[in-house]
N, C-alpha and C. Protein backbone atom coordinates (compact mmCIF):
# COMPACT_ATOMS: atom_id res chain seq x y z
N MET A 1 165.99 78.46 280.43
CA MET A 1 166.22 77.90 279.11
C MET A 1 166.90 78.96 278.25
N ASP A 2 167.84 78.51 277.47
CA ASP A 2 168.54 79.38 276.53
C ASP A 2 167.54 79.93 275.51
N LEU A 3 167.56 81.24 275.28
CA LEU A 3 166.61 81.86 274.35
C LEU A 3 166.74 81.31 272.94
N THR A 4 167.94 80.94 272.53
CA THR A 4 168.14 80.38 271.19
C THR A 4 167.42 79.04 271.09
N ILE A 5 167.54 78.21 272.11
CA ILE A 5 166.85 76.91 272.11
C ILE A 5 165.35 77.12 272.13
N GLU A 6 164.87 78.03 272.97
CA GLU A 6 163.45 78.31 273.04
C GLU A 6 162.92 78.80 271.69
N TRP A 7 163.67 79.67 271.02
CA TRP A 7 163.28 80.18 269.71
C TRP A 7 163.24 79.06 268.68
N MET A 8 164.23 78.18 268.69
CA MET A 8 164.28 77.06 267.74
C MET A 8 163.12 76.09 267.98
N GLU A 9 162.79 75.84 269.24
CA GLU A 9 161.65 74.95 269.53
C GLU A 9 160.36 75.56 268.99
N LYS A 10 160.19 76.85 269.13
CA LYS A 10 159.00 77.52 268.62
C LYS A 10 158.91 77.41 267.11
N ILE A 11 160.03 77.59 266.43
CA ILE A 11 160.05 77.51 264.97
C ILE A 11 159.73 76.09 264.48
N THR A 12 160.21 75.09 265.19
CA THR A 12 160.05 73.72 264.73
C THR A 12 158.81 73.02 265.29
N MET A 13 157.93 73.75 265.94
CA MET A 13 156.73 73.13 266.48
C MET A 13 155.83 72.65 265.34
N PRO A 14 155.44 71.37 265.37
CA PRO A 14 154.55 70.86 264.34
C PRO A 14 153.20 71.60 264.35
N LYS A 15 152.70 71.86 263.17
CA LYS A 15 151.39 72.48 263.01
C LYS A 15 150.35 71.38 262.88
N ILE A 16 149.20 71.61 263.47
CA ILE A 16 148.14 70.60 263.46
C ILE A 16 146.82 71.26 263.07
N THR A 17 146.05 70.54 262.27
CA THR A 17 144.75 71.04 261.82
C THR A 17 143.71 69.93 261.95
N ILE A 18 142.54 70.30 262.43
CA ILE A 18 141.40 69.38 262.48
C ILE A 18 140.33 69.96 261.57
N ASN A 19 139.83 69.16 260.64
CA ASN A 19 138.70 69.58 259.81
C ASN A 19 137.44 69.30 260.64
N ARG A 20 137.10 70.24 261.48
CA ARG A 20 136.01 70.03 262.44
C ARG A 20 134.66 69.80 261.77
N ALA A 21 134.46 70.33 260.58
CA ALA A 21 133.20 70.13 259.86
C ALA A 21 132.96 68.67 259.53
N GLU A 22 134.03 67.90 259.41
CA GLU A 22 133.92 66.48 259.07
C GLU A 22 134.03 65.56 260.29
N CYS A 23 134.20 66.14 261.48
CA CYS A 23 134.37 65.34 262.71
C CYS A 23 133.09 64.56 263.02
N THR A 24 133.27 63.30 263.42
CA THR A 24 132.13 62.45 263.77
C THR A 24 131.98 62.28 265.28
N SER A 25 132.79 62.98 266.05
CA SER A 25 132.74 62.92 267.52
C SER A 25 132.94 61.52 268.06
N CYS A 26 133.81 60.76 267.41
CA CYS A 26 134.03 59.36 267.82
C CYS A 26 134.85 59.24 269.09
N SER A 27 135.56 60.27 269.48
CA SER A 27 136.40 60.36 270.68
C SER A 27 137.77 59.70 270.53
N THR A 28 138.08 59.17 269.38
CA THR A 28 139.35 58.48 269.18
C THR A 28 140.54 59.39 269.46
N CYS A 29 140.53 60.59 268.94
CA CYS A 29 141.69 61.47 269.10
C CYS A 29 141.90 61.91 270.54
N TRP A 30 140.85 62.34 271.20
CA TRP A 30 141.05 62.80 272.57
C TRP A 30 141.27 61.66 273.54
N SER A 31 140.86 60.45 273.19
CA SER A 31 141.18 59.27 274.01
C SER A 31 142.64 58.85 273.80
N THR A 32 143.13 59.00 272.57
CA THR A 32 144.49 58.60 272.22
C THR A 32 145.52 59.63 272.67
N CYS A 33 145.21 60.89 272.54
CA CYS A 33 146.18 61.95 272.84
C CYS A 33 145.50 63.13 273.55
N PRO A 34 145.13 62.94 274.80
CA PRO A 34 144.44 64.03 275.52
C PRO A 34 145.31 65.24 275.80
N GLU A 35 146.61 65.12 275.60
CA GLU A 35 147.50 66.27 275.76
C GLU A 35 147.27 67.31 274.66
N VAL A 36 146.73 66.85 273.52
CA VAL A 36 146.55 67.73 272.36
C VAL A 36 145.08 67.94 272.00
N PHE A 37 144.26 66.91 272.15
CA PHE A 37 142.87 66.97 271.72
C PHE A 37 141.90 66.88 272.89
N GLU A 38 140.73 67.49 272.71
CA GLU A 38 139.66 67.38 273.69
C GLU A 38 138.32 67.52 272.99
N GLU A 39 137.27 67.12 273.68
CA GLU A 39 135.93 67.28 273.16
C GLU A 39 135.44 68.69 273.46
N ASP A 40 134.88 69.33 272.47
CA ASP A 40 134.29 70.65 272.66
C ASP A 40 132.91 70.45 273.28
N PRO A 41 132.67 70.93 274.49
CA PRO A 41 131.38 70.70 275.14
C PRO A 41 130.21 71.39 274.44
N LYS A 42 130.51 72.38 273.59
CA LYS A 42 129.44 73.08 272.88
C LYS A 42 128.85 72.28 271.74
N ASP A 43 129.70 71.54 271.02
CA ASP A 43 129.20 70.81 269.85
C ASP A 43 129.60 69.33 269.82
N GLY A 44 130.37 68.89 270.80
CA GLY A 44 130.75 67.48 270.87
C GLY A 44 131.87 67.07 269.93
N MET A 45 132.37 68.01 269.13
CA MET A 45 133.43 67.70 268.17
C MET A 45 134.80 67.87 268.79
N SER A 46 135.79 67.32 268.13
CA SER A 46 137.16 67.43 268.58
C SER A 46 137.67 68.85 268.40
N ARG A 47 138.55 69.25 269.32
CA ARG A 47 139.25 70.52 269.19
C ARG A 47 140.63 70.36 269.81
N ILE A 48 141.51 71.28 269.50
CA ILE A 48 142.84 71.31 270.06
C ILE A 48 142.75 71.99 271.42
N VAL A 49 143.47 71.44 272.41
CA VAL A 49 143.42 72.05 273.73
C VAL A 49 143.87 73.51 273.64
N GLU A 50 143.32 74.34 274.46
CA GLU A 50 143.49 75.78 274.35
C GLU A 50 144.95 76.24 274.31
N LYS A 51 145.81 75.65 275.11
CA LYS A 51 147.19 76.17 275.16
C LYS A 51 147.97 75.94 273.88
N TYR A 52 147.47 75.08 272.97
CA TYR A 52 148.15 74.84 271.70
C TYR A 52 147.41 75.41 270.50
N ARG A 53 146.27 76.05 270.70
CA ARG A 53 145.51 76.64 269.58
C ARG A 53 146.22 77.88 269.05
N THR A 54 146.01 78.14 267.77
CA THR A 54 146.54 79.36 267.17
C THR A 54 145.40 80.15 266.55
N GLY A 55 145.47 81.45 266.66
CA GLY A 55 144.49 82.33 266.04
C GLY A 55 143.09 82.19 266.58
N GLY A 56 142.92 81.62 267.77
CA GLY A 56 141.60 81.47 268.35
C GLY A 56 140.74 80.41 267.69
N ASP A 57 141.28 79.67 266.75
CA ASP A 57 140.55 78.63 266.03
C ASP A 57 140.72 77.29 266.75
N PRO A 58 139.64 76.66 267.18
CA PRO A 58 139.77 75.39 267.89
C PRO A 58 140.28 74.24 267.02
N GLY A 59 140.36 74.46 265.72
CA GLY A 59 140.81 73.41 264.81
C GLY A 59 142.23 73.57 264.29
N THR A 60 142.93 74.62 264.73
CA THR A 60 144.32 74.80 264.29
C THR A 60 145.21 75.08 265.48
N GLY A 61 146.44 74.60 265.39
CA GLY A 61 147.36 74.85 266.48
C GLY A 61 148.78 74.45 266.15
N GLU A 62 149.63 74.64 267.14
CA GLU A 62 151.03 74.22 267.07
C GLU A 62 151.32 73.48 268.36
N ILE A 63 151.95 72.32 268.22
CA ILE A 63 152.21 71.48 269.39
C ILE A 63 153.70 71.30 269.60
N PRO A 64 154.12 71.10 270.84
CA PRO A 64 155.53 70.81 271.08
C PRO A 64 155.89 69.44 270.50
N ALA A 65 157.14 69.31 270.12
CA ALA A 65 157.60 68.05 269.52
C ALA A 65 157.34 66.85 270.41
N GLU A 66 157.34 67.06 271.72
CA GLU A 66 157.11 65.94 272.64
C GLU A 66 155.72 65.32 272.50
N HIS A 67 154.77 66.04 271.92
CA HIS A 67 153.42 65.50 271.72
C HIS A 67 153.15 65.06 270.29
N GLU A 68 154.13 65.20 269.42
CA GLU A 68 153.92 64.88 268.01
C GLU A 68 153.59 63.40 267.80
N ALA A 69 154.25 62.51 268.50
CA ALA A 69 154.00 61.07 268.29
C ALA A 69 152.57 60.70 268.65
N CYS A 70 152.07 61.17 269.79
CA CYS A 70 150.70 60.80 270.16
C CYS A 70 149.69 61.48 269.24
N ALA A 71 149.97 62.72 268.82
CA ALA A 71 149.08 63.41 267.89
C ALA A 71 149.05 62.69 266.55
N GLN A 72 150.21 62.21 266.10
CA GLN A 72 150.28 61.47 264.84
C GLN A 72 149.52 60.15 264.95
N GLU A 73 149.64 59.49 266.09
CA GLU A 73 148.89 58.24 266.29
C GLU A 73 147.39 58.51 266.22
N ALA A 74 146.94 59.59 266.85
CA ALA A 74 145.52 59.96 266.80
C ALA A 74 145.10 60.25 265.36
N ALA A 75 145.94 60.97 264.61
CA ALA A 75 145.64 61.26 263.21
C ALA A 75 145.56 59.98 262.39
N ASP A 76 146.48 59.06 262.65
CA ASP A 76 146.52 57.81 261.88
C ASP A 76 145.31 56.92 262.13
N ILE A 77 144.76 56.96 263.33
CA ILE A 77 143.63 56.07 263.63
C ILE A 77 142.27 56.77 263.53
N CYS A 78 142.28 58.06 263.22
CA CYS A 78 141.02 58.78 263.04
C CYS A 78 140.23 58.10 261.90
N PRO A 79 139.01 57.65 262.18
CA PRO A 79 138.26 56.91 261.16
C PRO A 79 137.85 57.73 259.94
N VAL A 80 137.85 59.06 260.07
CA VAL A 80 137.48 59.90 258.93
C VAL A 80 138.65 60.75 258.41
N SER A 81 139.85 60.49 258.93
CA SER A 81 141.10 61.13 258.45
C SER A 81 141.00 62.64 258.35
N ILE A 82 140.62 63.31 259.44
CA ILE A 82 140.45 64.76 259.41
C ILE A 82 141.55 65.54 260.12
N ILE A 83 142.56 64.83 260.63
CA ILE A 83 143.65 65.49 261.36
C ILE A 83 144.89 65.50 260.50
N THR A 84 145.48 66.69 260.34
CA THR A 84 146.69 66.87 259.55
C THR A 84 147.78 67.44 260.43
N ILE A 85 148.97 66.85 260.33
CA ILE A 85 150.13 67.34 261.08
C ILE A 85 151.23 67.63 260.06
N SER A 86 151.82 68.82 260.17
CA SER A 86 152.91 69.18 259.25
C SER A 86 153.99 69.93 260.00
N GLY A 87 155.17 69.89 259.42
CA GLY A 87 156.29 70.65 259.94
C GLY A 87 157.01 69.95 260.99
């Protein structure tokens, strides 16, 4: 892959945040978009899959554009509206 393209993809990766404190563990997000979300076996709440997490925080990350549509769908149907996607 051309380094310029790889650099541009990194810059334009959508940022995603889960307010884990408000998560109800309904499973909607990880059922809708398992490429981005998963259940944390320690507390049963939603988290971002490890390869997309940033700063070691299970509730923040950056996802490739190819997963933005499914992540947005999960955010839109989350019953407590705790998922934010920007950029």
